[in-house]
């Protein structure tokens, strides 16, 4: 009788626990692991724009997406993978020539990047644009220049001590001249870059062709602006007319706050 009594109590106890165990299992299965919960504020990553941003056509609420180009690791673990997407929405943007603009040549774009998409899972992750690295046109120019530059053969070895001494003097003089020319070229390049950006915007206005704003002509708000939900908004500005970032523009992002928000699965 005692054996049957113990057996009956065991069955009753198991039946009483079954709903609780099932609920815990469903809760665990309904909450996929989210690396974004452990990403610390200040973490940096690079991502390419998947859509074009234009100060003349962007409307508040338009969705903006950027795809991460490299794995992001923290404490030896990958928390954000290459191919994950950062999502945001356009905040009120001021177009060139707007009546509220302090100058007809100024344009501003603002974007709230507040989500991270990993597969079918979307999590809250607040990031701000910390740098505009390069536009697609600039990336192509670098690639073409590298492909067209011929390989430089090393100089022949010196045949005598005197020649070596003379070669050293010549090399030193050549280095000094090269440095001077290089510095001059850099200064001229900076001036030329500003002129190119201004001329590019003028040409676009005259022809009606949409031209991308050069990365060097874009300024970022040092701390951004505070959005309605209290997080930071990425603010991009240019004083050279229309602000346009084409799809494929490389951006650098910084996590502005560590988010412990619950996730949702789409």
C-alpha atoms as a PDB file:
ATOM      1  CA  UNK A   1       0.000   0.000   0.000  1.00  0.00           C
ATOM      2  CA  UNK A   2       2.819   2.401   0.867  1.00  0.00           C
ATOM      3  CA  UNK A   3       4.401   1.808  -2.550  1.00  0.00           C
ATOM      4  CA  UNK A   4       1.170   2.614  -4.343  1.00  0.00           C
ATOM      5  CA  UNK A   5       0.677   5.699  -2.173  1.00  0.00           C
ATOM      6  CA  UNK A   6       4.177   7.038  -2.987  1.00  0.00           C
ATOM      7  CA  UNK A   7       3.662   6.305  -6.678  1.00  0.00           C
ATOM      8  CA  UNK A   8       0.361   8.194  -6.668  1.00  0.00           C
ATOM      9  CA  UNK A   9       1.895  11.199  -4.926  1.00  0.00           C
ATOM     10  CA  UNK A  10       4.737  11.257  -7.473  1.00  0.00           C
ATOM     11  CA  UNK A  11       2.267  11.313 -10.374  1.00  0.00           C
ATOM     12  CA  UNK A  12       0.231  14.121  -8.771  1.00  0.00           C
ATOM     13  CA  UNK A  13       3.406  16.174  -8.135  1.00  0.00           C
ATOM     14  CA  UNK A  14       4.552  15.727 -11.755  1.00  0.00           C
ATOM     15  CA  UNK A  15       1.147  16.776 -13.103  1.00  0.00           C
ATOM     16  CA  UNK A  16       1.190  19.880 -10.901  1.00  0.00           C
ATOM     17  CA  UNK A  17       4.626  20.949 -12.209  1.00  0.00           C
ATOM     18  CA  UNK A  18       3.908  20.249 -15.889  1.00  0.00           C
ATOM     19  CA  UNK A  19       2.218  23.597 -16.716  1.00  0.00           C
ATOM     20  CA  UNK A  20       5.028  25.556 -15.047  1.00  0.00           C
ATOM     21  CA  UNK A  21       7.770  23.654 -16.897  1.00  0.00           C
ATOM     22  CA  UNK A  22       5.905  24.035 -20.195  1.00  0.00           C
ATOM     23  CA  UNK A  23       5.487  27.785 -19.651  1.00  0.00           C
ATOM     24  CA  UNK A  24       9.179  28.206 -18.839  1.00  0.00           C
ATOM     25  CA  UNK A  25      10.162  26.234 -21.946  1.00  0.00           C
ATOM     26  CA  UNK A  26       7.901  28.327 -24.180  1.00  0.00           C
ATOM     27  CA  UNK A  27       9.276  31.540 -22.665  1.00  0.00           C
ATOM     28  CA  UNK A  28      12.850  30.415 -23.292  1.00  0.00           C
ATOM     29  CA  UNK A  29      12.129  29.359 -26.854  1.00  0.00           C
ATOM     30  CA  UNK A  30      10.313  32.652 -27.519  1.00  0.00           C
ATOM     31  CA  UNK A  31      13.367  34.694 -26.502  1.00  0.00           C
ATOM     32  CA  UNK A  32      16.190  34.017 -28.976  1.00  0.00           C
ATOM     33  CA  UNK A  33      19.676  34.962 -27.859  1.00  0.00           C
ATOM     34  CA  UNK A  34      20.415  38.614 -28.551  1.00  0.00           C
ATOM     35  CA  UNK A  35      24.012  39.749 -28.677  1.00  0.00           C
ATOM     36  CA  UNK A  36      22.807  43.357 -28.864  1.00  0.00           C
ATOM     37  CA  UNK A  37      21.804  43.264 -25.178  1.00  0.00           C
ATOM     38  CA  UNK A  38      25.464  42.989 -24.215  1.00  0.00           C
ATOM     39  CA  UNK A  39      26.929  45.568 -26.616  1.00  0.00           C
ATOM     40  CA  UNK A  40      28.528  48.325 -24.549  1.00  0.00           C
ATOM     41  CA  UNK A  41      28.110  52.034 -25.183  1.00  0.00           C
ATOM     42  CA  UNK A  42      31.008  53.409 -27.225  1.00  0.00           C
ATOM     43  CA  UNK A  43      31.379  50.266 -29.364  1.00  0.00           C
ATOM     44  CA  UNK A  44      32.206  51.205 -32.967  1.00  0.00           C
ATOM     45  CA  UNK A  45      31.324  49.502 -36.252  1.00  0.00           C
ATOM     46  CA  UNK A  46      31.253  50.242 -39.984  1.00  0.00           C
ATOM     47  CA  UNK A  47      28.234  49.808 -42.234  1.00  0.00           C
ATOM     48  CA  UNK A  48      27.193  50.674 -45.807  1.00  0.00           C
ATOM     49  CA  UNK A  49      24.032  52.581 -46.567  1.00  0.00           C
ATOM     50  CA  UNK A  50      21.447  50.456 -48.370  1.00  0.00           C
ATOM     51  CA  UNK A  51      19.354  53.435 -49.426  1.00  0.00           C
ATOM     52  CA  UNK A  52      20.034  56.969 -50.649  1.00  0.00           C
ATOM     53  CA  UNK A  53      19.614  59.920 -48.288  1.00  0.00           C
ATOM     54  CA  UNK A  54      18.806  63.270 -49.905  1.00  0.00           C
ATOM     55  CA  UNK A  55      18.024  66.511 -48.079  1.00  0.00           C
ATOM     56  CA  UNK A  56      15.647  67.564 -50.853  1.00  0.00           C
ATOM     57  CA  UNK A  57      13.551  64.396 -50.891  1.00  0.00           C
ATOM     58  CA  UNK A  58      13.878  62.844 -47.410  1.00  0.00           C
ATOM     59  CA  UNK A  59      10.744  62.975 -45.264  1.00  0.00           C
ATOM     60  CA  UNK A  60      10.487  62.443 -41.515  1.00  0.00           C
ATOM     61  CA  UNK A  61       9.635  58.809 -40.875  1.00  0.00           C
ATOM     62  CA  UNK A  62      11.387  57.428 -43.986  1.00  0.00           C
ATOM     63  CA  UNK A  63      13.240  54.222 -43.087  1.00  0.00           C
ATOM     64  CA  UNK A  64      17.010  54.112 -43.504  1.00  0.00           C
ATOM     65  CA  UNK A  65      19.111  50.926 -43.453  1.00  0.00           C
ATOM     66  CA  UNK A  66      22.843  50.236 -43.289  1.00  0.00           C
ATOM     67  CA  UNK A  67      24.513  46.808 -43.482  1.00  0.00           C
ATOM     68  CA  UNK A  68      27.403  46.003 -41.130  1.00  0.00           C
ATOM     69  CA  UNK A  69      30.612  45.202 -43.053  1.00  0.00           C
ATOM     70  CA  UNK A  70      32.719  43.543 -40.329  1.00  0.00           C
ATOM     71  CA  UNK A  71      32.121  41.349 -37.293  1.00  0.00           C
ATOM     72  CA  UNK A  72      32.029  43.264 -34.026  1.00  0.00           C
ATOM     73  CA  UNK A  73      33.648  41.464 -31.093  1.00  0.00           C
ATOM     74  CA  UNK A  74      33.443  42.110 -27.391  1.00  0.00           C
ATOM     75  CA  UNK A  75      35.290  40.171 -24.691  1.00  0.00           C
ATOM     76  CA  UNK A  76      36.397  37.705 -27.366  1.00  0.00           C
ATOM     77  CA  UNK A  77      32.851  36.998 -28.565  1.00  0.00           C
ATOM     78  CA  UNK A  78      31.128  38.152 -31.752  1.00  0.00           C
ATOM     79  CA  UNK A  79      28.149  40.272 -30.683  1.00  0.00           C
ATOM     80  CA  UNK A  80      27.281  41.769 -34.094  1.00  0.00           C
ATOM     81  CA  UNK A  81      27.981  39.891 -37.311  1.00  0.00           C
ATOM     82  CA  UNK A  82      28.902  41.058 -40.778  1.00  0.00           C
ATOM     83  CA  UNK A  83      25.646  41.334 -42.709  1.00  0.00           C
ATOM     84  CA  UNK A  84      23.496  42.418 -39.743  1.00  0.00           C
ATOM     85  CA  UNK A  85      21.518  45.591 -40.427  1.00  0.00           C
ATOM     86  CA  UNK A  86      21.167  48.874 -38.560  1.00  0.00           C
ATOM     87  CA  UNK A  87      17.750  50.461 -39.034  1.00  0.00           C
ATOM     88  CA  UNK A  88      16.655  54.022 -38.436  1.00  0.00           C
ATOM     89  CA  UNK A  89      14.197  56.697 -39.492  1.00  0.00           C
ATOM     90  CA  UNK A  90      14.659  60.174 -40.901  1.00  0.00           C
ATOM     91  CA  UNK A  91      14.062  62.955 -38.402  1.00  0.00           C
ATOM     92  CA  UNK A  92      13.025  66.461 -39.597  1.00  0.00           C
ATOM     93  CA  UNK A  93      15.569  67.490 -42.261  1.00  0.00           C
ATOM     94  CA  UNK A  94      16.334  70.985 -43.528  1.00  0.00           C
ATOM     95  CA  UNK A  95      16.876  71.185 -47.301  1.00  0.00           C
ATOM     96  CA  UNK A  96      19.062  73.703 -49.114  1.00  0.00           C
ATOM     97  CA  UNK A  97      17.149  76.869 -49.806  1.00  0.00           C
ATOM     98  CA  UNK A  98      14.593  76.218 -47.061  1.00  0.00           C
ATOM     99  CA  UNK A  99      13.043  79.387 -45.727  1.00  0.00           C
ATOM    100  CA  UNK A 100      14.099  78.422 -42.194  1.00  0.00           C
ATOM    101  CA  UNK A 101      17.725  77.954 -43.215  1.00  0.00           C
ATOM    102  CA  UNK A 102      20.276  80.515 -42.090  1.00  0.00           C
ATOM    103  CA  UNK A 103      21.910  80.228 -45.505  1.00  0.00           C
ATOM    104  CA  UNK A 104      20.622  78.994 -48.848  1.00  0.00           C
ATOM    105  CA  UNK A 105      23.782  76.891 -49.208  1.00  0.00           C
ATOM    106  CA  UNK A 106      23.254  74.912 -45.980  1.00  0.00           C
ATOM    107  CA  UNK A 107      21.580  71.500 -45.781  1.00  0.00           C
ATOM    108  CA  UNK A 108      20.932  69.185 -42.846  1.00  0.00           C
ATOM    109  CA  UNK A 109      19.864  65.559 -42.507  1.00  0.00           C
ATOM    110  CA  UNK A 110      18.965  63.888 -39.218  1.00  0.00           C
ATOM    111  CA  UNK A 111      18.455  60.153 -38.653  1.00  0.00           C
ATOM    112  CA  UNK A 112      17.513  58.119 -35.568  1.00  0.00           C
ATOM    113  CA  UNK A 113      19.329  54.753 -35.796  1.00  0.00           C
ATOM    114  CA  UNK A 114      17.667  52.712 -33.050  1.00  0.00           C
ATOM    115  CA  UNK A 115      17.378  49.071 -34.159  1.00  0.00           C
ATOM    116  CA  UNK A 116      19.568  46.093 -35.023  1.00  0.00           C
ATOM    117  CA  UNK A 117      18.284  43.289 -37.262  1.00  0.00           C
ATOM    118  CA  UNK A 118      19.929  39.866 -36.935  1.00  0.00           C
ATOM    119  CA  UNK A 119      18.199  37.328 -39.140  1.00  0.00           C
ATOM    120  CA  UNK A 120      14.517  37.445 -38.182  1.00  0.00           C
ATOM    121  CA  UNK A 121      15.176  39.095 -34.840  1.00  0.00           C
ATOM    122  CA  UNK A 122      14.964  42.839 -34.249  1.00  0.00           C
ATOM    123  CA  UNK A 123      16.435  44.378 -31.095  1.00  0.00           C
ATOM    124  CA  UNK A 124      16.720  47.916 -29.788  1.00  0.00           C
ATOM    125  CA  UNK A 125      20.233  49.310 -30.337  1.00  0.00           C
ATOM    126  CA  UNK A 126      20.850  53.063 -30.330  1.00  0.00           C
ATOM    127  CA  UNK A 127      23.733  54.206 -32.521  1.00  0.00           C
ATOM    128  CA  UNK A 128      24.945  57.502 -34.001  1.00  0.00           C
ATOM    129  CA  UNK A 129      26.986  58.182 -37.126  1.00  0.00           C
ATOM    130  CA  UNK A 130      30.503  59.103 -35.967  1.00  0.00           C
ATOM    131  CA  UNK A 131      32.111  59.472 -39.424  1.00  0.00           C
ATOM    132  CA  UNK A 132      31.317  59.513 -43.127  1.00  0.00           C
ATOM    133  CA  UNK A 133      34.190  57.355 -44.393  1.00  0.00           C
ATOM    134  CA  UNK A 134      33.715  57.428 -48.176  1.00  0.00           C
ATOM    135  CA  UNK A 135      31.158  57.682 -50.956  1.00  0.00           C
ATOM    136  CA  UNK A 136      30.803  55.040 -53.716  1.00  0.00           C
ATOM    137  CA  UNK A 137      32.506  57.398 -56.196  1.00  0.00           C
ATOM    138  CA  UNK A 138      35.441  57.899 -53.835  1.00  0.00           C
ATOM    139  CA  UNK A 139      35.720  54.147 -53.273  1.00  0.00           C
ATOM    140  CA  UNK A 140      35.851  53.548 -57.040  1.00  0.00           C
ATOM    141  CA  UNK A 141      38.470  56.269 -57.486  1.00  0.00           C
ATOM    142  CA  UNK A 142      40.740  54.661 -54.883  1.00  0.00           C
ATOM    143  CA  UNK A 143      40.354  51.260 -56.520  1.00  0.00           C
ATOM    144  CA  UNK A 144      41.047  52.623 -60.032  1.00  0.00           C
ATOM    145  CA  UNK A 145      44.093  54.569 -58.842  1.00  0.00           C
ATOM    146  CA  UNK A 146      45.556  51.513 -57.113  1.00  0.00           C
ATOM    147  CA  UNK A 147      44.963  49.378 -60.219  1.00  0.00           C
ATOM    148  CA  UNK A 148      46.610  51.896 -62.557  1.00  0.00           C
ATOM    149  CA  UNK A 149      49.757  52.575 -60.508  1.00  0.00           C
ATOM    150  CA  UNK A 150      52.775  50.636 -61.899  1.00  0.00           C
ATOM    151  CA  UNK A 151      54.952  48.644 -59.540  1.00  0.00           C
ATOM    152  CA  UNK A 152      58.119  50.560 -58.539  1.00  0.00           C
ATOM    153  CA  UNK A 153      61.317  48.541 -58.870  1.00  0.00           C
ATOM    154  CA  UNK A 154      63.874  48.862 -56.029  1.00  0.00           C
ATOM    155  CA  UNK A 155      67.023  50.946 -56.829  1.00  0.00           C
ATOM    156  CA  UNK A 156      70.178  49.054 -57.892  1.00  0.00           C
ATOM    157  CA  UNK A 157      72.779  48.440 -55.144  1.00  0.00           C
ATOM    158  CA  UNK A 158      75.677  50.885 -54.797  1.00  0.00           C
ATOM    159  CA  UNK A 159      78.944  49.721 -56.502  1.00  0.00           C
ATOM    160  CA  UNK A 160      81.451  51.685 -54.399  1.00  0.00           C
ATOM    161  CA  UNK A 161      81.840  53.406 -51.078  1.00  0.00           C
ATOM    162  CA  UNK A 162      82.065  56.845 -52.700  1.00  0.00           C
ATOM    163  CA  UNK A 163      79.004  56.108 -54.726  1.00  0.00           C
ATOM    164  CA  UNK A 164      77.227  55.028 -51.581  1.00  0.00           C
ATOM    165  CA  UNK A 165      78.083  58.321 -49.854  1.00  0.00           C
ATOM    166  CA  UNK A 166      76.956  60.309 -52.870  1.00  0.00           C
ATOM    167  CA  UNK A 167      73.860  58.153 -53.129  1.00  0.00           C
ATOM    168  CA  UNK A 168      73.053  58.897 -49.483  1.00  0.00           C
ATOM    169  CA  UNK A 169      73.360  62.642 -50.062  1.00  0.00           C
ATOM    170  CA  UNK A 170      71.230  62.382 -53.195  1.00  0.00           C
ATOM    171  CA  UNK A 171      68.669  60.310 -51.334  1.00  0.00           C
ATOM    172  CA  UNK A 172      68.510  62.851 -48.484  1.00  0.00           C
ATOM    173  CA  UNK A 173      68.100  65.726 -50.909  1.00  0.00           C
ATOM    174  CA  UNK A 174      65.487  63.810 -52.832  1.00  0.00           C
ATOM    175  CA  UNK A 175      63.575  63.070 -49.641  1.00  0.00           C
ATOM    176  CA  UNK A 176      63.608  66.735 -48.633  1.00  0.00           C
ATOM    177  CA  UNK A 177      62.419  67.859 -52.047  1.00  0.00           C
ATOM    178  CA  UNK A 178      59.808  65.115 -52.123  1.00  0.00           C
ATOM    179  CA  UNK A 179      58.508  66.104 -48.695  1.00  0.00           C
ATOM    180  CA  UNK A 180      58.199  69.746 -49.746  1.00  0.00           C
ATOM    181  CA  UNK A 181      56.412  68.839 -52.954  1.00  0.00           C
ATOM    182  CA  UNK A 182      54.175  66.418 -51.090  1.00  0.00           C
ATOM    183  CA  UNK A 183      53.211  69.034 -48.503  1.00  0.00           C
ATOM    184  CA  UNK A 184      52.456  71.539 -51.244  1.00  0.00           C
ATOM    185  CA  UNK A 185      50.414  68.946 -53.079  1.00  0.00           C
ATOM    186  CA  UNK A 186      48.434  68.151 -49.924  1.00  0.00           C
ATOM    187  CA  UNK A 187      47.632  71.812 -49.377  1.00  0.00           C
ATOM    188  CA  UNK A 188      46.570  72.252 -52.979  1.00  0.00           C
ATOM    189  CA  UNK A 189      44.572  69.041 -52.747  1.00  0.00           C
ATOM    190  CA  UNK A 190      42.650  70.398 -49.766  1.00  0.00           C
ATOM    191  CA  UNK A 191      41.818  73.602 -51.619  1.00  0.00           C
ATOM    192  CA  UNK A 192      40.958  71.619 -54.698  1.00  0.00           C
ATOM    193  CA  UNK A 193      38.689  69.356 -52.671  1.00  0.00           C
ATOM    194  CA  UNK A 194      36.666  72.337 -51.438  1.00  0.00           C
ATOM    195  CA  UNK A 195      36.449  73.785 -54.938  1.00  0.00           C
ATOM    196  CA  UNK A 196      35.454  70.393 -56.360  1.00  0.00           C
ATOM    197  CA  UNK A 197      32.657  69.998 -53.827  1.00  0.00           C
ATOM    198  CA  UNK A 198      31.304  73.494 -54.549  1.00  0.00           C
ATOM    199  CA  UNK A 199      31.589  73.026 -58.302  1.00  0.00           C
ATOM    200  CA  UNK A 200      29.945  69.613 -58.077  1.00  0.00           C
ATOM    201  CA  UNK A 201      26.904  71.017 -56.297  1.00  0.00           C
ATOM    202  CA  UNK A 202      26.686  73.916 -58.749  1.00  0.00           C
ATOM    203  CA  UNK A 203      26.867  71.517 -61.682  1.00  0.00           C
ATOM    204  CA  UNK A 204      24.161  69.346 -60.176  1.00  0.00           C
ATOM    205  CA  UNK A 205      21.862  72.331 -59.689  1.00  0.00           C
ATOM    206  CA  UNK A 206      22.438  73.558 -63.249  1.00  0.00           C
ATOM    207  CA  UNK A 207      21.936  70.193 -64.943  1.00  0.00           C
ATOM    208  CA  UNK A 208      19.332  68.664 -62.640  1.00  0.00           C
ATOM    209  CA  UNK A 209      21.568  65.630 -62.108  1.00  0.00           C
ATOM    210  CA  UNK A 210      21.728  64.355 -58.517  1.00  0.00           C
ATOM    211  CA  UNK A 211      25.362  64.277 -57.411  1.00  0.00           C
ATOM    212  CA  UNK A 212      26.593  62.763 -54.159  1.00  0.00           C
ATOM    213  CA  UNK A 213      28.079  65.113 -51.580  1.00  0.00           C
ATOM    214  CA  UNK A 214      31.813  64.375 -51.060  1.00  0.00           C
ATOM    215  CA  UNK A 215      32.569  62.875 -47.655  1.00  0.00           C
ATOM    216  CA  UNK A 216      34.989  65.730 -46.817  1.00  0.00           C
ATOM    217  CA  UNK A 217      32.178  68.276 -47.307  1.00  0.00           C
ATOM    218  CA  UNK A 218      29.948  66.683 -44.639  1.00  0.00           C
ATOM    219  CA  UNK A 219      30.094  67.755 -41.005  1.00  0.00           C
ATOM    220  CA  UNK A 220      28.660  65.732 -38.125  1.00  0.00           C
ATOM    221  CA  UNK A 221      27.118  67.021 -34.934  1.00  0.00           C
ATOM    222  CA  UNK A 222      29.704  66.273 -32.242  1.00  0.00           C
ATOM    223  CA  UNK A 223      27.044  64.869 -29.913  1.00  0.00           C
ATOM    224  CA  UNK A 224      24.066  64.808 -32.241  1.00  0.00           C
ATOM    225  CA  UNK A 225      20.707  66.089 -31.016  1.00  0.00           C
ATOM    226  CA  UNK A 226      18.363  64.530 -28.502  1.00  0.00           C
ATOM    227  CA  UNK A 227      15.385  62.758 -30.088  1.00  0.00           C
ATOM    228  CA  UNK A 228      11.865  62.511 -28.663  1.00  0.00           C
ATOM    229  CA  UNK A 229      12.653  59.243 -26.868  1.00  0.00           C
ATOM    230  CA  UNK A 230      15.734  60.730 -25.190  1.00  0.00           C
ATOM    231  CA  UNK A 231      18.366  59.051 -27.387  1.00  0.00           C
ATOM    232  CA  UNK A 232      20.875  60.730 -29.698  1.00  0.00           C
ATOM    233  CA  UNK A 233      20.025  61.556 -33.300  1.00  0.00           C
ATOM    234  CA  UNK A 234      22.710  61.555 -36.005  1.00  0.00           C
ATOM    235  CA  UNK A 235      22.949  65.035 -37.570  1.00  0.00           C
ATOM    236  CA  UNK A 236      24.768  65.529 -40.886  1.00  0.00           C
ATOM    237  CA  UNK A 237      25.352  68.966 -42.397  1.00  0.00           C
ATOM    238  CA  UNK A 238      26.988  70.605 -45.389  1.00  0.00           C
ATOM    239  CA  UNK A 239      27.469  74.262 -46.273  1.00  0.00           C
ATOM    240  CA  UNK A 240      27.844  73.455 -49.968  1.00  0.00           C
ATOM    241  CA  UNK A 241      24.231  73.094 -51.059  1.00  0.00           C
ATOM    242  CA  UNK A 242      22.224  69.908 -51.368  1.00  0.00           C
ATOM    243  CA  UNK A 243      23.227  67.058 -49.047  1.00  0.00           C
ATOM    244  CA  UNK A 244      23.053  63.659 -50.697  1.00  0.00           C
ATOM    245  CA  UNK A 245      24.471  60.322 -49.520  1.00  0.00           C
ATOM    246  CA  UNK A 246      24.159  57.553 -52.089  1.00  0.00           C
ATOM    247  CA  UNK A 247      23.459  53.906 -51.387  1.00  0.00           C
ATOM    248  CA  UNK A 248      26.837  52.271 -50.740  1.00  0.00           C
ATOM    249  CA  UNK A 249      28.258  55.178 -48.715  1.00  0.00           C
ATOM    250  CA  UNK A 250      30.511  53.810 -45.961  1.00  0.00           C
ATOM    251  CA  UNK A 251      29.653  55.109 -42.500  1.00  0.00           C
ATOM    252  CA  UNK A 252      31.148  54.561 -39.074  1.00  0.00           C
ATOM    253  CA  UNK A 253      28.738  54.145 -36.167  1.00  0.00           C
ATOM    254  CA  UNK A 254      29.110  54.362 -32.399  1.00  0.00           C
ATOM    255  CA  UNK A 255      26.742  52.734 -29.900  1.00  0.00           C
ATOM    256  CA  UNK A 256      25.332  55.653 -27.913  1.00  0.00           C
ATOM    257  CA  UNK A 257      23.750  53.699 -25.060  1.00  0.00           C
ATOM    258  CA  UNK A 258      23.726  50.146 -23.792  1.00  0.00           C
ATOM    259  CA  UNK A 259      20.219  48.830 -24.326  1.00  0.00           C
ATOM    260  CA  UNK A 260      18.631  46.119 -22.208  1.00  0.00           C
ATOM    261  CA  UNK A 261      15.252  46.323 -23.917  1.00  0.00           C
ATOM    262  CA  UNK A 262      13.314  43.161 -24.675  1.00  0.00           C
ATOM    263  CA  UNK A 263      13.381  41.971 -28.253  1.00  0.00           C
ATOM    264  CA  UNK A 264      10.710  41.218 -30.734  1.00  0.00           C
ATOM    265  CA  UNK A 265      10.760  38.652 -33.496  1.00  0.00           C
ATOM    266  CA  UNK A 266       9.369  39.642 -36.865  1.00  0.00           C
END
